[in-house]
Protein backbone atom coordinates (compact mmCIF):
# COMPACT_ATOMS: atom_id res chain seq x y z
CA UNK A 1 16.31 -0.35 -28.34
CA UNK A 2 17.13 -3.92 -27.35
CA UNK A 3 14.12 -6.10 -26.54
CA UNK A 4 14.34 -6.51 -22.76
CA UNK A 5 11.17 -8.39 -21.82
CA UNK A 6 11.75 -12.11 -21.31
CA UNK A 7 15.47 -11.83 -20.70
CA UNK A 8 17.11 -13.73 -17.83
CA UNK A 9 18.64 -11.92 -14.90
CA UNK A 10 22.11 -12.75 -16.25
CA UNK A 11 21.32 -11.21 -19.65
CA UNK A 12 19.89 -8.08 -18.05
CA UNK A 13 22.97 -7.75 -15.85
CA UNK A 14 25.32 -8.03 -18.85
CA UNK A 15 23.46 -5.31 -20.79
CA UNK A 16 23.39 -2.99 -17.77
CA UNK A 17 27.05 -3.60 -16.96
CA UNK A 18 28.29 -3.21 -20.53
CA UNK A 19 26.40 0.06 -20.97
CA UNK A 20 28.06 1.38 -17.84
CA UNK A 21 31.48 0.16 -19.01
CA UNK A 22 31.13 2.06 -22.29
CA UNK A 23 30.60 5.30 -20.43
CA UNK A 24 33.50 4.55 -18.10
CA UNK A 25 35.90 3.86 -21.00
CA UNK A 26 34.83 7.07 -22.74
CA UNK A 27 35.94 8.92 -19.64
CA UNK A 28 39.26 7.06 -19.67
CA UNK A 29 39.68 7.97 -23.34
CA UNK A 30 39.09 11.67 -22.69
CA UNK A 31 41.64 11.73 -19.90
CA UNK A 32 44.18 9.84 -22.03
CA UNK A 33 43.78 12.35 -24.87
CA UNK A 34 44.17 15.30 -22.46
CA UNK A 35 47.30 13.73 -20.99
CA UNK A 36 48.76 12.83 -24.36
CA UNK A 37 48.84 9.15 -23.42
CA UNK A 38 48.23 6.04 -25.55
CA UNK A 39 44.50 5.71 -26.27
CA UNK A 40 44.47 2.32 -27.98
CA UNK A 41 43.38 0.34 -24.93
CA UNK A 42 40.46 2.68 -24.24
CA UNK A 43 39.43 2.74 -27.92
CA UNK A 44 39.45 -1.06 -28.16
CA UNK A 45 37.37 -1.33 -24.99
CA UNK A 46 34.84 1.20 -26.29
CA UNK A 47 34.50 -0.62 -29.60
CA UNK A 48 33.73 -3.87 -27.78
CA UNK A 49 30.83 -2.43 -25.79
CA UNK A 50 29.68 0.75 -27.55
CA UNK A 51 27.02 -1.12 -29.55
CA UNK A 52 24.96 -1.16 -26.36
CA UNK A 53 22.22 1.49 -26.40
CA UNK A 54 22.24 3.57 -23.13
CA UNK A 55 18.43 3.49 -23.08
CA UNK A 56 18.53 -0.30 -23.25
CA UNK A 57 20.95 -0.24 -20.35
CA UNK A 58 18.57 1.91 -18.34
CA UNK A 59 15.66 -0.36 -19.17
CA UNK A 60 17.67 -3.48 -18.26
CA UNK A 61 18.72 -1.95 -14.94
CA UNK A 62 15.15 -0.93 -14.13
CA UNK A 63 13.71 -4.38 -14.85
CA UNK A 64 16.50 -6.05 -12.86
CA UNK A 65 15.93 -3.69 -9.88
CA UNK A 66 12.20 -4.43 -9.89
CA UNK A 67 12.86 -8.16 -9.88
CA UNK A 68 15.21 -7.78 -6.92
CA UNK A 69 12.62 -5.71 -5.03
CA UNK A 70 10.00 -8.28 -5.90
CA UNK A 71 12.06 -11.00 -4.25
CA UNK A 72 13.15 -8.96 -1.21
CA UNK A 73 9.90 -9.25 0.73
CA UNK A 74 9.91 -13.03 0.19
CA UNK A 75 13.42 -13.31 1.65
CA UNK A 76 12.63 -11.00 4.56
CA UNK A 77 9.43 -12.94 5.31
CA UNK A 78 11.34 -16.24 5.20
CA UNK A 79 14.01 -14.86 7.53
CA UNK A 80 11.41 -13.61 10.02
CA UNK A 81 9.56 -16.96 9.95
CA UNK A 82 12.86 -18.69 10.74
CA UNK A 83 13.26 -16.51 13.82
CA UNK A 84 15.40 -13.60 12.57
CA UNK A 85 14.81 -10.35 14.47
CA UNK A 86 14.30 -7.03 12.70
CA UNK A 87 17.78 -6.06 13.93
CA UNK A 88 19.28 -9.08 12.14
CA UNK A 89 17.34 -8.29 8.97
CA UNK A 90 18.53 -4.70 9.15
CA UNK A 91 22.13 -5.80 9.64
CA UNK A 92 21.87 -8.02 6.52
CA UNK A 93 20.57 -5.07 4.48
CA UNK A 94 23.00 -2.57 6.01
CA UNK A 95 20.19 -0.43 7.47
CA UNK A 96 18.51 0.11 10.84
CA UNK A 97 15.90 -2.34 12.17
CA UNK A 98 13.22 0.35 11.81
CA UNK A 99 14.20 0.98 8.21
CA UNK A 100 14.20 -2.77 7.56
CA UNK A 101 10.66 -3.11 8.83
CA UNK A 102 9.47 -0.07 6.87
CA UNK A 103 11.23 -1.40 3.74
CA UNK A 104 9.35 -4.68 4.11
CA UNK A 105 5.97 -2.94 4.36
CA UNK A 106 6.77 -0.64 1.41
CA UNK A 107 7.93 -3.57 -0.72
CA UNK A 108 4.67 -5.39 -0.08
CA UNK A 109 2.79 -2.31 -1.26
CA UNK A 110 4.86 -2.27 -4.46
CA UNK A 111 3.88 -5.89 -5.05
CA UNK A 112 0.16 -5.23 -4.55
CA UNK A 113 -0.73 -5.92 -8.18
CA UNK A 114 1.22 -9.20 -8.25
CA UNK A 115 -0.02 -10.40 -4.87
CA UNK A 116 -3.65 -9.86 -5.79
CA UNK A 117 -6.01 -11.24 -3.18
CA UNK A 118 -3.09 -12.22 -0.97
CA UNK A 119 -2.00 -8.60 -0.53
CA UNK A 120 -4.10 -7.72 2.51
CA UNK A 121 -3.15 -10.94 4.34
CA UNK A 122 0.56 -10.50 3.63
CA UNK A 123 0.49 -6.82 4.65
CA UNK A 124 -1.27 -7.61 7.95
CA UNK A 125 1.35 -10.28 8.66
CA UNK A 126 4.08 -7.70 8.10
CA UNK A 127 3.23 -5.96 11.38
CA UNK A 128 2.35 -9.04 13.38
CA UNK A 129 4.44 -11.57 15.24
CA UNK A 130 5.51 -14.48 13.02
CA UNK A 131 4.89 -17.99 14.45
CA UNK A 132 8.57 -18.55 15.24
CA UNK A 133 8.66 -15.47 17.48
CA UNK A 134 5.46 -15.91 19.42
CA UNK A 135 5.90 -16.53 23.10
CA UNK A 136 4.53 -20.05 22.85
CA UNK A 137 5.36 -22.01 25.97
CA UNK A 138 6.46 -18.95 27.95
CA UNK A 139 3.14 -18.42 29.66
CA UNK A 140 2.07 -14.87 30.46
CA UNK A 141 4.50 -12.27 29.22
CA UNK A 142 5.39 -8.61 29.51
CA UNK A 143 6.44 -6.24 26.75
CA UNK A 144 9.31 -3.94 27.67
CA UNK A 145 8.69 -0.74 25.72
CA UNK A 146 10.98 2.27 25.47
CA UNK A 147 9.18 5.47 24.48
CA UNK A 148 11.19 8.47 23.25
CA UNK A 149 9.98 11.95 22.32
CA UNK A 150 11.17 12.90 18.84
CA UNK A 151 12.88 16.21 17.91
CA UNK A 152 13.75 17.10 21.51
CA UNK A 153 17.23 17.19 23.04
CA UNK A 154 18.25 16.01 25.55
CA UNK A 155 15.98 13.05 24.89
CA UNK A 156 12.88 12.67 27.04
CA UNK A 157 12.05 8.98 27.51
CA UNK A 158 10.24 6.37 29.55
CA UNK A 159 10.54 2.59 29.81
CA UNK A 160 7.45 0.55 30.59
CA UNK A 161 6.89 -3.10 31.45
CA UNK A 162 3.33 -3.72 30.28
CA UNK A 163 1.23 -6.87 29.98
CA UNK A 164 1.52 -8.36 26.48
CA UNK A 165 -2.28 -8.66 26.42
CA UNK A 166 -2.62 -4.90 26.90
CA UNK A 167 -4.36 -3.15 24.05
CA UNK A 168 -2.76 -0.28 22.15
CA UNK A 169 -5.25 1.95 23.91
CA UNK A 170 -3.88 0.74 27.26
CA UNK A 171 -0.41 1.65 26.06
CA UNK A 172 -1.73 5.06 25.00
CA UNK A 173 -2.94 5.70 28.56
CA UNK A 174 0.40 4.53 29.99
CA UNK A 175 2.19 7.02 27.75
CA UNK A 176 -0.20 9.80 28.79
CA UNK A 177 0.42 9.11 32.46
CA UNK A 178 4.12 8.53 32.02
CA UNK A 179 4.70 11.87 30.35
CA UNK A 180 2.28 13.79 32.56
CA UNK A 181 -0.23 14.49 29.81
CA UNK A 182 -3.99 14.79 30.34
CA UNK A 183 -5.38 12.98 27.27
CA UNK A 184 -6.87 16.29 26.08
CA UNK A 185 -6.09 15.73 22.39
CA UNK A 186 -6.37 13.24 19.56
CA UNK A 187 -3.73 10.58 19.04
CA UNK A 188 -2.85 7.57 16.92
CA UNK A 189 -0.32 4.78 16.63
CA UNK A 190 1.38 4.10 13.30
CA UNK A 191 2.48 0.50 12.86
CA UNK A 192 3.87 0.18 9.34
CA UNK A 193 1.11 1.43 7.05
CA UNK A 194 -1.62 0.70 9.63
CA UNK A 195 -2.99 3.43 11.88
CA UNK A 196 -4.73 2.68 15.19
CA UNK A 197 -6.72 5.02 17.41
CA UNK A 198 -9.38 4.78 20.10
CA UNK A 199 -13.09 5.08 19.30
CA UNK A 200 -13.11 8.65 20.56
CA UNK A 201 -11.15 9.72 17.50
CA UNK A 202 -11.86 6.78 15.21
CA UNK A 203 -11.70 7.60 11.49
CA UNK A 204 -12.17 5.72 8.26
CA UNK A 205 -8.43 5.22 7.79
CA UNK A 206 -7.83 3.97 11.37
CA UNK A 207 -8.40 0.69 13.15
CA UNK A 208 -9.68 0.51 16.71
CA UNK A 209 -6.71 0.56 19.10
CA UNK A 210 -8.84 -1.13 21.78
CA UNK A 211 -9.26 -4.29 19.71
CA UNK A 212 -5.59 -5.19 19.18
CA UNK A 213 -2.97 -6.22 21.72
CA UNK A 214 0.74 -5.57 21.88
CA UNK A 215 1.33 -9.32 21.72
CA UNK A 216 -0.64 -9.67 18.49
CA UNK A 217 1.08 -6.75 16.74
CA UNK A 218 4.64 -6.55 17.97
CA UNK A 219 7.60 -8.56 19.20
CA UNK A 220 11.12 -7.86 20.45
CA UNK A 221 13.02 -5.50 18.17
CA UNK A 222 9.97 -3.89 16.56
CA UNK A 223 9.66 -0.12 16.36
CA UNK A 224 6.59 2.00 15.60
CA UNK A 225 5.25 5.48 16.04
CA UNK A 226 2.81 7.37 18.24
CA UNK A 227 1.47 10.89 17.62
CA UNK A 228 -0.29 12.98 20.25
CA UNK A 229 -2.00 16.37 19.78
CA UNK A 230 -2.24 17.19 16.09
CA UNK A 231 -1.67 20.86 16.91
CA UNK A 232 1.57 20.50 18.88
CA UNK A 233 2.18 17.31 16.88
CA UNK A 234 4.24 15.37 19.39
CA UNK A 235 5.86 12.43 17.66
CA UNK A 236 7.18 9.55 19.75
CA UNK A 237 9.19 6.49 18.75
CA UNK A 238 8.39 3.23 20.51
CA UNK A 239 10.81 0.30 20.65
CA UNK A 240 9.90 -3.17 21.90
CA UNK A 241 13.14 -3.94 23.70
CA UNK A 242 12.16 -7.33 25.10
CA UNK A 243 9.30 -9.74 25.59
CA UNK A 244 9.86 -11.48 28.91
CA UNK A 245 8.08 -14.11 30.96
CA UNK A 246 6.22 -12.80 33.99
CA UNK A 247 7.66 -13.54 37.39
CA UNK A 248 5.31 -13.54 40.35
CA UNK A 249 2.37 -11.20 40.04
CA UNK A 250 3.67 -8.00 38.40
CA UNK A 251 1.41 -4.97 37.90
CA UNK A 252 -0.46 -4.59 34.63
CA UNK A 253 1.89 -1.75 33.71
CA UNK A 254 4.88 -0.27 35.45
CA UNK A 255 7.38 2.45 34.55
CA UNK A 256 10.88 1.15 35.30
CA UNK A 257 13.03 4.08 34.14
CA UNK A 258 12.83 7.48 32.54
CA UNK A 259 14.60 10.78 32.05
CA UNK A 260 13.38 14.38 32.19
CA UNK A 261 9.94 15.86 32.61
CA UNK A 262 7.32 15.34 29.93
CA UNK A 263 6.60 18.42 27.79
CA UNK A 264 3.62 20.46 29.09
CA UNK A 265 0.37 20.44 27.11
CA UNK A 266 -0.30 23.09 24.47
CA UNK A 267 3.13 24.76 24.29
CA UNK A 268 3.63 24.54 20.54
CA UNK A 269 5.37 21.21 20.11
CA UNK A 270 9.17 20.71 20.07
CA UNK A 271 9.85 24.33 19.07
CA UNK A 272 7.77 25.70 21.93
CA UNK A 273 9.36 23.21 24.33
CA UNK A 274 12.88 24.40 23.53
CA UNK A 275 11.74 28.03 23.90
CA UNK A 276 10.23 27.17 27.29
CA UNK A 277 13.37 25.41 28.52
CA UNK A 278 15.57 28.32 27.44
CA UNK A 279 13.28 30.80 29.22
CA UNK A 280 13.21 28.75 32.43
CA UNK A 281 17.00 28.62 32.40
CA UNK A 282 17.31 32.44 32.46
CA UNK A 283 14.74 32.79 35.25
CA UNK A 284 13.98 36.39 34.32
CA UNK A 285 13.03 38.72 31.51
CA UNK A 286 9.96 39.12 29.31
CA UNK A 287 10.37 35.75 27.63
CA UNK A 288 10.51 34.05 31.02
CA UNK A 289 7.43 35.88 32.22
CA UNK A 290 5.63 35.00 28.96
CA UNK A 291 6.20 31.26 29.40
CA UNK A 292 5.42 31.41 33.13
CA UNK A 293 2.09 32.98 32.25
CA UNK A 294 1.34 30.34 29.59
CA UNK A 295 2.53 27.36 31.62
CA UNK A 296 1.14 28.51 34.97
CA UNK A 297 4.09 27.24 37.01
CA UNK A 298 7.87 27.11 36.98
CA UNK A 299 8.71 24.18 34.73
CA UNK A 300 11.70 21.99 35.70
CA UNK A 301 12.73 20.09 32.53
CA UNK A 302 14.95 17.68 34.50
CA UNK A 303 12.37 16.57 37.04
CA UNK A 304 10.95 13.05 36.81
CA UNK A 305 9.56 10.96 39.66
CA UNK A 306 9.22 7.30 38.69
CA UNK A 307 7.51 6.40 42.00
CA UNK A 308 4.81 9.05 41.51
CA UNK A 309 4.33 7.85 37.93
CA UNK A 310 3.81 4.29 39.13
CA UNK A 311 1.31 5.41 41.73
CA UNK A 312 -0.66 7.14 38.98
CA UNK A 313 -0.40 4.06 36.71
CA UNK A 314 -1.60 1.76 39.52
CA UNK A 315 -4.52 4.09 40.21
CA UNK A 316 -5.51 4.05 36.54
CA UNK A 317 -5.18 0.25 36.31
CA UNK A 318 -7.37 -0.19 39.41
CA UNK A 319 -10.08 1.99 37.91
CA UNK A 320 -9.94 -0.12 34.73
CA UNK A 321 -10.48 -3.32 36.75
CA UNK A 322 -13.54 -1.84 38.41
CA UNK A 323 -15.23 -0.98 35.10
């Protein structure tokens, strides 16, 4: 096997490419023989590259791929520090903005050994706002957050304008109120590889969601996850659509738009929700009576009252101020 270590990127590329060419020309040769065509061109091409060992080609390709991955996080970090959004990074990589962010975090993990003591700092920066995207000079700001329930169709969603200084736990309560939940169950946010939860369900692998703000963790274009009720296992995707300057004296949090009623508590997650909706549509039969008994009322999956939601949010925010 060819000695690979110490080779330049150009040398590695040539070995990997020539190994692949040998296999390609062997295929051409087989087809030429089967068709009774002249095989001299294919034979000459094979002779020029067949000295390359396929295992050396594999090794060269693997080393080259690792070098590319090792440089990717540096380029992404540089782009972010120059003001590129996650959407722009994703477009450059040909993937979604969420996949681009996740790729960055994963790449940093792969470089843990090489980063050494810098690893924890670099990883924490991966989910925080780079200096070029902070709202410096804008004054007080609001985060516009769209929250969508996963694995449910039609999509159930809410859009909130919430103070950028709100903690993740504040956002948790806004979600609970916005979807009509009662905060009966455990929850957590997943931002990259970092998990955040409130002290009531704090665990060794989680950070305190009350000690971090939206402004310190996220910026426009970022996406992250939220999980509520580990039995029903409701997964939600959160997108920071905008970070905007406050005008006047807006409420601490406000729901601006939304569609469809939030899923009731303790119905079995997305599967149970779809069963419930189907039963409510028929309006009769044993399945309908079963879900009426479990749910306790006739569930209207289309109903959503944004004004009522905002009254509940304002009531919650006022109680928080009085504490």
